[in-house]
Amino acid sequence: MFISERLRGILQALFVTFLWSTSWVLIKFALNEIPPLTFAGLRYTLAFIILLPGLWKYKTQIKTLSAKTWRNLVVLGLVFYTITQGGQFLTLNYLEAVTFSLLLNFSSVLVALFGIIALREVPSRLQWGGIIIFITGVFVYFTPAAGSGEPVLGFGLAGLSVCANAAASILGRSINRDKTIPPLVVTAISMGIGATSLLGIGLVVQGLPPISLTGWGVIGWLAVVNTALAFTLWNKSLQKLSAVESSLINNTMLVQIAVLAWLFLGEQLSARDIMGLILAITGILLAHLKKAV
């Protein structure tokens, strides 16, 4: 059966978001014993070490990277890993996962606005409609569950994560859409820069406490499967999808997290919750229909 490049990119991106959705459950459990910044730093540094041997295959391309490309990879690493991922681990330490999922989904709006300016990727009317319906679904599903007694610091960290996530989406799309740099090179180099910075900050600020065998197992799984494999596939999908498309697919995590919470955490879905999920899925589908403006 023939699958188009764009459909293959969509399926790859959806698979990655499923892996990332499972990360939220694992992170919430492991945060009980591992400080968030150190936890995030260990996860991504280990993933970088796993990816490092693969760079040998591309040593010729790496040697020819321009100073501008290196600068972009450094910025991507600091924004996407040090700030975005570190911020997400910190935020999950203060806010409920449901509340943070709601806030993080506003990244798609920022990506749409930034993408018009930075990438000249203007969403069609249908895509704008899909974004609006998607955001409506987010509110219908999550607003009743958003906690009112959560700390202001958590919301501040969430805002930082949202902005950094949107900026990383634009920069990642800018680097990958020309298809001149192999996805593994983009992933490994940017991750190495961002992860080592994040781990250094974590060790200095929070230290390294004793970690149980289960805790190391969670770190290992997150590093190998949900990071080394997932981020390589994600960068590959960015070569086929626009910034808005990839951001909206990333936002399907809110649906996936809700289902995983129902399956593994015993959280029930009300009629209003289901309506919100239907609206969110409808918005995503509309945003991916290719029609003229």
C-alpha atoms as a PDB file:
ATOM      1  CA  MET A   1       0.000   0.000   0.000  1.00  0.00           C
ATOM      2  CA  PHE A   2       1.419   3.364  -1.051  1.00  0.00           C
ATOM      3  CA  ILE A   3       1.644   6.033   1.634  1.00  0.00           C
ATOM      4  CA  SER A   4       2.404   9.628   0.653  1.00  0.00           C
ATOM      5  CA  GLU A   5       5.315  11.457   2.245  1.00  0.00           C
ATOM      6  CA  ARG A   6       2.962  13.860   4.008  1.00  0.00           C
ATOM      7  CA  LEU A   7       0.809  11.045   5.428  1.00  0.00           C
ATOM      8  CA  ARG A   8       3.948   9.240   6.563  1.00  0.00           C
ATOM      9  CA  GLY A   9       5.034  12.422   8.329  1.00  0.00           C
ATOM     10  CA  ILE A  10       1.651  12.733  10.054  1.00  0.00           C
ATOM     11  CA  LEU A  11       1.754   9.092  11.228  1.00  0.00           C
ATOM     12  CA  GLN A  12       5.319   9.490  12.490  1.00  0.00           C
ATOM     13  CA  ALA A  13       4.389  12.624  14.395  1.00  0.00           C
ATOM     14  CA  LEU A  14       1.316  10.962  15.939  1.00  0.00           C
ATOM     15  CA  PHE A  15       3.404   7.994  17.094  1.00  0.00           C
ATOM     16  CA  VAL A  16       5.892  10.369  18.701  1.00  0.00           C
ATOM     17  CA  THR A  17       3.135  12.248  20.519  1.00  0.00           C
ATOM     18  CA  PHE A  18       1.861   8.940  21.913  1.00  0.00           C
ATOM     19  CA  LEU A  19       5.310   8.197  23.331  1.00  0.00           C
ATOM     20  CA  TRP A  20       5.520  11.708  24.761  1.00  0.00           C
ATOM     21  CA  SER A  21       2.046  11.362  26.280  1.00  0.00           C
ATOM     22  CA  THR A  22       3.147   8.284  28.217  1.00  0.00           C
ATOM     23  CA  SER A  23       6.069  10.365  29.484  1.00  0.00           C
ATOM     24  CA  TRP A  24       3.709  12.604  31.466  1.00  0.00           C
ATOM     25  CA  VAL A  25       2.459   9.672  33.538  1.00  0.00           C
ATOM     26  CA  LEU A  26       5.987   8.360  34.131  1.00  0.00           C
ATOM     27  CA  ILE A  27       7.340  11.808  35.019  1.00  0.00           C
ATOM     28  CA  LYS A  28       4.585  12.497  37.553  1.00  0.00           C
ATOM     29  CA  PHE A  29       5.403   9.241  39.350  1.00  0.00           C
ATOM     30  CA  ALA A  30       9.193   9.695  39.316  1.00  0.00           C
ATOM     31  CA  LEU A  31       9.104  13.346  40.464  1.00  0.00           C
ATOM     32  CA  ASN A  32       8.404  11.977  43.938  1.00  0.00           C
ATOM     33  CA  GLU A  33      12.059  10.982  44.249  1.00  0.00           C
ATOM     34  CA  ILE A  34      13.999  12.869  41.534  1.00  0.00           C
ATOM     35  CA  PRO A  35      14.287  16.705  41.446  1.00  0.00           C
ATOM     36  CA  PRO A  36      12.780  18.044  38.181  1.00  0.00           C
ATOM     37  CA  LEU A  37      15.813  19.757  36.640  1.00  0.00           C
ATOM     38  CA  THR A  38      18.167  16.901  37.490  1.00  0.00           C
ATOM     39  CA  PHE A  39      15.535  14.432  36.240  1.00  0.00           C
ATOM     40  CA  ALA A  40      15.180  16.233  32.908  1.00  0.00           C
ATOM     41  CA  GLY A  41      18.940  16.645  32.565  1.00  0.00           C
ATOM     42  CA  LEU A  42      19.599  12.938  33.190  1.00  0.00           C
ATOM     43  CA  ARG A  43      16.913  11.918  30.706  1.00  0.00           C
ATOM     44  CA  TYR A  44      18.166  14.033  27.827  1.00  0.00           C
ATOM     45  CA  THR A  45      21.889  13.629  28.514  1.00  0.00           C
ATOM     46  CA  LEU A  46      21.537   9.841  28.502  1.00  0.00           C
ATOM     47  CA  ALA A  47      19.540  10.079  25.283  1.00  0.00           C
ATOM     48  CA  PHE A  48      22.293  12.215  23.751  1.00  0.00           C
ATOM     49  CA  ILE A  49      24.927   9.620  24.703  1.00  0.00           C
ATOM     50  CA  ILE A  50      22.811   6.947  23.000  1.00  0.00           C
ATOM     51  CA  LEU A  51      22.542   9.037  19.813  1.00  0.00           C
ATOM     52  CA  LEU A  52      26.207  10.103  19.797  1.00  0.00           C
ATOM     53  CA  PRO A  53      27.652   7.047  17.937  1.00  0.00           C
ATOM     54  CA  GLY A  54      25.186   7.624  15.112  1.00  0.00           C
ATOM     55  CA  LEU A  55      26.814  10.966  14.340  1.00  0.00           C
ATOM     56  CA  TRP A  56      29.929   9.178  13.030  1.00  0.00           C
ATOM     57  CA  LYS A  57      28.010   8.280   9.867  1.00  0.00           C
ATOM     58  CA  TYR A  58      27.477  11.982   9.182  1.00  0.00           C
ATOM     59  CA  LYS A  59      30.927  13.270  10.119  1.00  0.00           C
ATOM     60  CA  THR A  60      31.463  14.721   6.634  1.00  0.00           C
ATOM     61  CA  GLN A  61      28.220  16.715   6.727  1.00  0.00           C
ATOM     62  CA  ILE A  62      28.950  17.899  10.261  1.00  0.00           C
ATOM     63  CA  LYS A  63      32.341  19.261   9.203  1.00  0.00           C
ATOM     64  CA  THR A  64      30.691  21.319   6.467  1.00  0.00           C
ATOM     65  CA  LEU A  65      28.039  22.920   8.693  1.00  0.00           C
ATOM     66  CA  SER A  66      28.200  26.706   8.475  1.00  0.00           C
ATOM     67  CA  ALA A  67      28.636  29.008  11.451  1.00  0.00           C
ATOM     68  CA  LYS A  68      25.016  30.117  11.019  1.00  0.00           C
ATOM     69  CA  THR A  69      23.798  26.505  11.146  1.00  0.00           C
ATOM     70  CA  TRP A  70      25.825  25.820  14.296  1.00  0.00           C
ATOM     71  CA  ARG A  71      24.395  28.954  15.859  1.00  0.00           C
ATOM     72  CA  ASN A  72      20.852  27.823  15.027  1.00  0.00           C
ATOM     73  CA  LEU A  73      21.498  24.354  16.478  1.00  0.00           C
ATOM     74  CA  VAL A  74      22.891  25.861  19.679  1.00  0.00           C
ATOM     75  CA  VAL A  75      19.860  28.134  20.048  1.00  0.00           C
ATOM     76  CA  LEU A  76      17.499  25.234  19.278  1.00  0.00           C
ATOM     77  CA  GLY A  77      19.199  23.101  21.920  1.00  0.00           C
ATOM     78  CA  LEU A  78      19.004  25.774  24.601  1.00  0.00           C
ATOM     79  CA  VAL A  79      15.402  26.719  23.785  1.00  0.00           C
ATOM     80  CA  PHE A  80      13.943  23.257  23.123  1.00  0.00           C
ATOM     81  CA  TYR A  81      15.769  21.273  25.785  1.00  0.00           C
ATOM     82  CA  THR A  82      17.231  23.534  28.461  1.00  0.00           C
ATOM     83  CA  ILE A  83      14.296  25.964  28.667  1.00  0.00           C
ATOM     84  CA  THR A  84      11.275  24.076  27.264  1.00  0.00           C
ATOM     85  CA  GLN A  85      11.919  20.599  28.675  1.00  0.00           C
ATOM     86  CA  GLY A  86      13.430  21.872  31.902  1.00  0.00           C
ATOM     87  CA  GLY A  87      10.464  24.215  32.267  1.00  0.00           C
ATOM     88  CA  GLN A  88       7.989  21.393  31.676  1.00  0.00           C
ATOM     89  CA  PHE A  89       9.542  19.182  34.361  1.00  0.00           C
ATOM     90  CA  LEU A  90       9.532  22.106  36.777  1.00  0.00           C
ATOM     91  CA  THR A  91       5.932  23.008  35.937  1.00  0.00           C
ATOM     92  CA  LEU A  92       4.737  19.428  36.450  1.00  0.00           C
ATOM     93  CA  ASN A  93       6.252  19.647  39.920  1.00  0.00           C
ATOM     94  CA  TYR A  94       3.873  22.547  40.754  1.00  0.00           C
ATOM     95  CA  LEU A  95       0.769  22.111  38.585  1.00  0.00           C
ATOM     96  CA  GLU A  96      -1.552  19.211  37.887  1.00  0.00           C
ATOM     97  CA  ALA A  97      -0.921  17.538  34.534  1.00  0.00           C
ATOM     98  CA  VAL A  98      -4.413  18.466  33.288  1.00  0.00           C
ATOM     99  CA  THR A  99      -3.933  22.158  34.048  1.00  0.00           C
ATOM    100  CA  PHE A 100      -0.520  22.239  32.392  1.00  0.00           C
ATOM    101  CA  SER A 101      -1.800  20.359  29.325  1.00  0.00           C
ATOM    102  CA  LEU A 102      -4.446  23.044  28.857  1.00  0.00           C
ATOM    103  CA  LEU A 103      -1.898  25.852  29.065  1.00  0.00           C
ATOM    104  CA  LEU A 104       0.650  24.111  26.841  1.00  0.00           C
ATOM    105  CA  ASN A 105      -1.857  23.787  24.015  1.00  0.00           C
ATOM    106  CA  PHE A 106      -1.815  27.544  23.502  1.00  0.00           C
ATOM    107  CA  SER A 107       1.526  26.953  21.793  1.00  0.00           C
ATOM    108  CA  SER A 108      -0.382  26.288  18.538  1.00  0.00           C
ATOM    109  CA  VAL A 109      -1.752  29.834  18.507  1.00  0.00           C
ATOM    110  CA  LEU A 110       1.695  31.312  19.056  1.00  0.00           C
ATOM    111  CA  VAL A 111       3.195  29.024  16.406  1.00  0.00           C
ATOM    112  CA  ALA A 112       0.577  30.155  13.887  1.00  0.00           C
ATOM    113  CA  LEU A 113       1.384  33.816  14.558  1.00  0.00           C
ATOM    114  CA  PHE A 114       5.164  33.346  14.663  1.00  0.00           C
ATOM    115  CA  GLY A 115       5.065  31.109  11.567  1.00  0.00           C
ATOM    116  CA  ILE A 116       3.458  33.840   9.475  1.00  0.00           C
ATOM    117  CA  ILE A 117       6.299  36.221  10.344  1.00  0.00           C
ATOM    118  CA  ALA A 118       9.310  33.910  10.560  1.00  0.00           C
ATOM    119  CA  LEU A 119       8.504  31.181   8.009  1.00  0.00           C
ATOM    120  CA  ARG A 120       5.926  32.875   5.729  1.00  0.00           C
ATOM    121  CA  GLU A 121       3.635  29.874   6.331  1.00  0.00           C
ATOM    122  CA  VAL A 122       0.151  31.393   6.366  1.00  0.00           C
ATOM    123  CA  PRO A 123      -2.605  28.997   7.544  1.00  0.00           C
ATOM    124  CA  SER A 124      -5.622  28.699   5.245  1.00  0.00           C
ATOM    125  CA  ARG A 125      -9.085  29.743   6.387  1.00  0.00           C
ATOM    126  CA  LEU A 126      -9.903  26.098   6.983  1.00  0.00           C
ATOM    127  CA  GLN A 127      -6.771  25.687   9.112  1.00  0.00           C
ATOM    128  CA  TRP A 128      -7.604  28.813  11.123  1.00  0.00           C
ATOM    129  CA  GLY A 129     -11.079  27.382  11.667  1.00  0.00           C
ATOM    130  CA  GLY A 130      -9.531  24.117  12.808  1.00  0.00           C
ATOM    131  CA  ILE A 131      -7.327  25.968  15.289  1.00  0.00           C
ATOM    132  CA  ILE A 132     -10.336  27.835  16.714  1.00  0.00           C
ATOM    133  CA  ILE A 133     -12.382  24.632  17.038  1.00  0.00           C
ATOM    134  CA  PHE A 134      -9.412  22.855  18.585  1.00  0.00           C
ATOM    135  CA  ILE A 135      -8.900  25.587  21.209  1.00  0.00           C
ATOM    136  CA  THR A 136     -12.660  25.548  21.916  1.00  0.00           C
ATOM    137  CA  GLY A 137     -12.457  21.818  22.539  1.00  0.00           C
ATOM    138  CA  VAL A 138      -9.514  22.370  24.881  1.00  0.00           C
ATOM    139  CA  PHE A 139     -11.547  24.811  26.954  1.00  0.00           C
ATOM    140  CA  VAL A 140     -14.644  22.593  26.998  1.00  0.00           C
ATOM    141  CA  TYR A 141     -12.629  19.622  28.187  1.00  0.00           C
ATOM    142  CA  PHE A 142     -10.127  21.183  30.570  1.00  0.00           C
ATOM    143  CA  THR A 143     -11.596  24.384  32.040  1.00  0.00           C
ATOM    144  CA  PRO A 144     -13.796  22.613  34.593  1.00  0.00           C
ATOM    145  CA  ALA A 145     -10.775  20.615  35.785  1.00  0.00           C
ATOM    146  CA  ALA A 146      -8.315  23.488  36.027  1.00  0.00           C
ATOM    147  CA  GLY A 147      -7.330  23.887  39.647  1.00  0.00           C
ATOM    148  CA  SER A 148      -7.760  27.287  41.270  1.00  0.00           C
ATOM    149  CA  GLY A 149      -5.555  26.626  44.297  1.00  0.00           C
ATOM    150  CA  GLU A 150      -2.340  25.970  42.398  1.00  0.00           C
ATOM    151  CA  PRO A 151       0.711  28.207  42.957  1.00  0.00           C
ATOM    152  CA  VAL A 152       1.354  31.333  40.914  1.00  0.00           C
ATOM    153  CA  LEU A 153       4.920  30.108  40.325  1.00  0.00           C
ATOM    154  CA  GLY A 154       3.529  27.089  38.494  1.00  0.00           C
ATOM    155  CA  PHE A 155       1.527  29.264  36.109  1.00  0.00           C
ATOM    156  CA  GLY A 156       4.551  31.473  35.519  1.00  0.00           C
ATOM    157  CA  LEU A 157       6.691  28.442  34.655  1.00  0.00           C
ATOM    158  CA  ALA A 158       3.895  27.173  32.406  1.00  0.00           C
ATOM    159  CA  GLY A 159       3.833  30.489  30.529  1.00  0.00           C
ATOM    160  CA  LEU A 160       7.599  30.298  30.004  1.00  0.00           C
ATOM    161  CA  SER A 161       7.267  26.727  28.735  1.00  0.00           C
ATOM    162  CA  VAL A 162       4.488  27.686  26.313  1.00  0.00           C
ATOM    163  CA  CYS A 163       6.496  30.532  24.776  1.00  0.00           C
ATOM    164  CA  ALA A 164       9.695  28.468  24.594  1.00  0.00           C
ATOM    165  CA  ASN A 165       7.821  25.543  23.056  1.00  0.00           C
ATOM    166  CA  ALA A 166       6.350  27.783  20.353  1.00  0.00           C
ATOM    167  CA  ALA A 167       9.744  29.338  19.599  1.00  0.00           C
ATOM    168  CA  ALA A 168      11.346  25.883  19.412  1.00  0.00           C
ATOM    169  CA  SER A 169       8.654  24.705  16.960  1.00  0.00           C
ATOM    170  CA  ILE A 170       9.397  27.605  14.622  1.00  0.00           C
ATOM    171  CA  LEU A 171      13.169  27.229  14.860  1.00  0.00           C
ATOM    172  CA  GLY A 172      12.991  23.450  14.443  1.00  0.00           C
ATOM    173  CA  ARG A 173      10.815  23.813  11.356  1.00  0.00           C
ATOM    174  CA  SER A 174      13.180  26.464   9.943  1.00  0.00           C
ATOM    175  CA  ILE A 175      16.176  24.146  10.319  1.00  0.00           C
ATOM    176  CA  ASN A 176      14.465  20.980   9.057  1.00  0.00           C
ATOM    177  CA  ARG A 177      12.319  22.178   6.160  1.00  0.00           C
ATOM    178  CA  ASP A 178      15.281  22.645   3.767  1.00  0.00           C
ATOM    179  CA  LYS A 179      16.188  18.944   4.235  1.00  0.00           C
ATOM    180  CA  THR A 180      19.908  19.783   4.069  1.00  0.00           C
ATOM    181  CA  ILE A 181      20.748  18.397   7.516  1.00  0.00           C
ATOM    182  CA  PRO A 182      19.964  14.762   8.478  1.00  0.00           C
ATOM    183  CA  PRO A 183      17.362  14.544  11.274  1.00  0.00           C
ATOM    184  CA  LEU A 184      19.766  12.587  13.497  1.00  0.00           C
ATOM    185  CA  VAL A 185      22.342  15.372  13.258  1.00  0.00           C
ATOM    186  CA  VAL A 186      19.773  18.015  14.192  1.00  0.00           C
ATOM    187  CA  THR A 187      18.478  15.902  17.073  1.00  0.00           C
ATOM    188  CA  ALA A 188      21.802  14.782  18.534  1.00  0.00           C
ATOM    189  CA  ILE A 189      23.667  18.084  18.319  1.00  0.00           C
ATOM    190  CA  SER A 190      20.850  20.257  19.629  1.00  0.00           C
ATOM    191  CA  MET A 191      20.032  17.713  22.341  1.00  0.00           C
ATOM    192  CA  GLY A 192      23.671  17.420  23.410  1.00  0.00           C
ATOM    193  CA  ILE A 193      23.975  21.179  23.813  1.00  0.00           C
ATOM    194  CA  GLY A 194      20.652  21.626  25.605  1.00  0.00           C
ATOM    195  CA  ALA A 195      20.813  18.483  27.755  1.00  0.00           C
ATOM    196  CA  THR A 196      24.306  18.993  29.146  1.00  0.00           C
ATOM    197  CA  SER A 197      23.424  22.587  30.000  1.00  0.00           C
ATOM    198  CA  LEU A 198      20.227  21.398  31.704  1.00  0.00           C
ATOM    199  CA  LEU A 199      22.012  18.648  33.644  1.00  0.00           C
ATOM    200  CA  GLY A 200      24.685  21.079  34.797  1.00  0.00           C
ATOM    201  CA  ILE A 201      22.068  23.504  36.066  1.00  0.00           C
ATOM    202  CA  GLY A 202      20.157  20.676  37.753  1.00  0.00           C
ATOM    203  CA  LEU A 203      23.203  19.282  39.568  1.00  0.00           C
ATOM    204  CA  VAL A 204      24.250  22.736  40.787  1.00  0.00           C
ATOM    205  CA  VAL A 205      20.785  23.867  41.879  1.00  0.00           C
ATOM    206  CA  GLN A 206      19.158  20.600  43.004  1.00  0.00           C
ATOM    207  CA  GLY A 207      21.924  18.017  43.279  1.00  0.00           C
ATOM    208  CA  LEU A 208      21.737  14.241  42.690  1.00  0.00           C
ATOM    209  CA  PRO A 209      19.802  12.361  45.405  1.00  0.00           C
ATOM    210  CA  PRO A 210      19.800   8.552  45.783  1.00  0.00           C
ATOM    211  CA  ILE A 211      17.642   7.100  42.986  1.00  0.00           C
ATOM    212  CA  SER A 212      15.897   3.732  43.220  1.00  0.00           C
ATOM    213  CA  LEU A 213      16.169   0.994  40.598  1.00  0.00           C
ATOM    214  CA  THR A 214      12.634   1.879  39.467  1.00  0.00           C
ATOM    215  CA  GLY A 215      13.629   5.527  39.120  1.00  0.00           C
ATOM    216  CA  TRP A 216      16.618   4.632  36.941  1.00  0.00           C
ATOM    217  CA  GLY A 217      14.332   2.374  34.906  1.00  0.00           C
ATOM    218  CA  VAL A 218      12.002   5.297  34.225  1.00  0.00           C
ATOM    219  CA  ILE A 219      14.959   7.517  33.277  1.00  0.00           C
ATOM    220  CA  GLY A 220      16.323   4.803  30.959  1.00  0.00           C
ATOM    221  CA  TRP A 221      12.988   4.231  29.205  1.00  0.00           C
ATOM    222  CA  LEU A 222      12.372   7.946  28.770  1.00  0.00           C
ATOM    223  CA  ALA A 223      15.890   8.413  27.408  1.00  0.00           C
ATOM    224  CA  VAL A 224      16.002   5.495  24.954  1.00  0.00           C
ATOM    225  CA  VAL A 225      12.429   5.243  23.649  1.00  0.00           C
ATOM    226  CA  ASN A 226      10.643   8.501  24.455  1.00  0.00           C
ATOM    227  CA  THR A 227      13.640  10.701  23.648  1.00  0.00           C
ATOM    228  CA  ALA A 228      16.399   9.205  21.443  1.00  0.00           C
ATOM    229  CA  LEU A 229      13.931   7.429  19.157  1.00  0.00           C
ATOM    230  CA  ALA A 230      11.034   9.871  19.462  1.00  0.00           C
ATOM    231  CA  PHE A 231      12.927  13.101  18.821  1.00  0.00           C
ATOM    232  CA  THR A 232      14.693  11.649  15.777  1.00  0.00           C
ATOM    233  CA  LEU A 233      11.324  10.666  14.289  1.00  0.00           C
ATOM    234  CA  TRP A 234       9.905  14.079  15.208  1.00  0.00           C
ATOM    235  CA  ASN A 235      12.655  15.980  13.386  1.00  0.00           C
ATOM    236  CA  LYS A 236      12.131  13.701  10.385  1.00  0.00           C
ATOM    237  CA  SER A 237       8.395  14.484  10.386  1.00  0.00           C
ATOM    238  CA  LEU A 238       9.184  18.221  10.433  1.00  0.00           C
ATOM    239  CA  GLN A 239      10.676  17.841   6.953  1.00  0.00           C
ATOM    240  CA  LYS A 240       7.199  16.968   5.644  1.00  0.00           C
ATOM    241  CA  LEU A 241       4.850  19.098   7.795  1.00  0.00           C
ATOM    242  CA  SER A 242       4.384  22.833   8.342  1.00  0.00           C
ATOM    243  CA  ALA A 243       4.976  24.430  11.740  1.00  0.00           C
ATOM    244  CA  VAL A 244       1.228  24.782  12.393  1.00  0.00           C
ATOM    245  CA  GLU A 245       0.555  21.178  11.372  1.00  0.00           C
ATOM    246  CA  SER A 246       3.300  19.773  13.581  1.00  0.00           C
ATOM    247  CA  SER A 247       2.159  21.944  16.486  1.00  0.00           C
ATOM    248  CA  LEU A 248      -1.460  20.778  16.145  1.00  0.00           C
ATOM    249  CA  ILE A 249      -0.382  17.132  15.993  1.00  0.00           C
ATOM    250  CA  ASN A 250       1.707  17.781  19.088  1.00  0.00           C
ATOM    251  CA  ASN A 251      -1.455  19.123  20.727  1.00  0.00           C
ATOM    252  CA  THR A 252      -3.232  15.769  20.262  1.00  0.00           C
ATOM    253  CA  MET A 253      -1.292  14.874  23.393  1.00  0.00           C
ATOM    254  CA  LEU A 254      -4.108  16.439  25.417  1.00  0.00           C
ATOM    255  CA  VAL A 255      -6.479  13.772  24.086  1.00  0.00           C
ATOM    256  CA  GLN A 256      -3.945  11.000  24.528  1.00  0.00           C
ATOM    257  CA  ILE A 257      -3.056  12.079  28.068  1.00  0.00           C
ATOM    258  CA  ALA A 258      -6.753  12.103  28.959  1.00  0.00           C
ATOM    259  CA  VAL A 259      -7.160   8.543  27.680  1.00  0.00           C
ATOM    260  CA  LEU A 260      -4.009   7.348  29.452  1.00  0.00           C
ATOM    261  CA  ALA A 261      -5.188   8.990  32.667  1.00  0.00           C
ATOM    262  CA  TRP A 262      -8.514   7.167  32.314  1.00  0.00           C
ATOM    263  CA  LEU A 263      -6.779   3.827  31.666  1.00  0.00           C
ATOM    264  CA  PHE A 264      -3.959   3.985  34.196  1.00  0.00           C
ATOM    265  CA  LEU A 265      -4.952   6.604  36.773  1.00  0.00           C
ATOM    266  CA  GLY A 266      -8.652   5.819  37.046  1.00  0.00           C
ATOM    267  CA  GLU A 267      -9.846   9.270  35.937  1.00  0.00           C
ATOM    268  CA  GLN A 268     -13.366   9.140  34.487  1.00  0.00           C
ATOM    269  CA  LEU A 269     -14.618  11.004  31.399  1.00  0.00           C
ATOM    270  CA  SER A 270     -17.849  13.001  31.753  1.00  0.00           C
ATOM    271  CA  ALA A 271     -20.153  13.868  28.850  1.00  0.00           C
ATOM    272  CA  ARG A 272     -18.596  17.343  28.773  1.00  0.00           C
ATOM    273  CA  ASP A 273     -15.113  15.818  28.650  1.00  0.00           C
ATOM    274  CA  ILE A 274     -16.060  13.642  25.688  1.00  0.00           C
ATOM    275  CA  MET A 275     -17.569  16.639  23.858  1.00  0.00           C
ATOM    276  CA  GLY A 276     -14.326  18.547  24.347  1.00  0.00           C
ATOM    277  CA  LEU A 277     -12.325  15.639  22.944  1.00  0.00           C
ATOM    278  CA  ILE A 278     -14.601  15.440  19.895  1.00  0.00           C
ATOM    279  CA  LEU A 279     -14.191  19.182  19.236  1.00  0.00           C
ATOM    280  CA  ALA A 280     -10.414  18.936  19.641  1.00  0.00           C
ATOM    281  CA  ILE A 281     -10.142  16.007  17.230  1.00  0.00           C
ATOM    282  CA  THR A 282     -12.423  17.780  14.719  1.00  0.00           C
ATOM    283  CA  GLY A 283     -10.214  20.871  14.858  1.00  0.00           C
ATOM    284  CA  ILE A 284      -7.100  18.806  14.210  1.00  0.00           C
ATOM    285  CA  LEU A 285      -8.661  17.064  11.209  1.00  0.00           C
ATOM    286  CA  LEU A 286      -9.829  20.368   9.682  1.00  0.00           C
ATOM    287  CA  ALA A 287      -6.389  21.897  10.146  1.00  0.00           C
ATOM    288  CA  HIS A 288      -4.885  19.098   8.071  1.00  0.00           C
ATOM    289  CA  LEU A 289      -7.230  19.330   5.092  1.00  0.00           C
ATOM    290  CA  LYS A 290      -5.463  20.845   2.108  1.00  0.00           C
ATOM    291  CA  LYS A 291      -7.833  23.334   0.508  1.00  0.00           C
ATOM    292  CA  ALA A 292      -7.404  26.730  -1.060  1.00  0.00           C
ATOM    293  CA  VAL A 293      -7.645  29.823   1.089  1.00  0.00           C
END
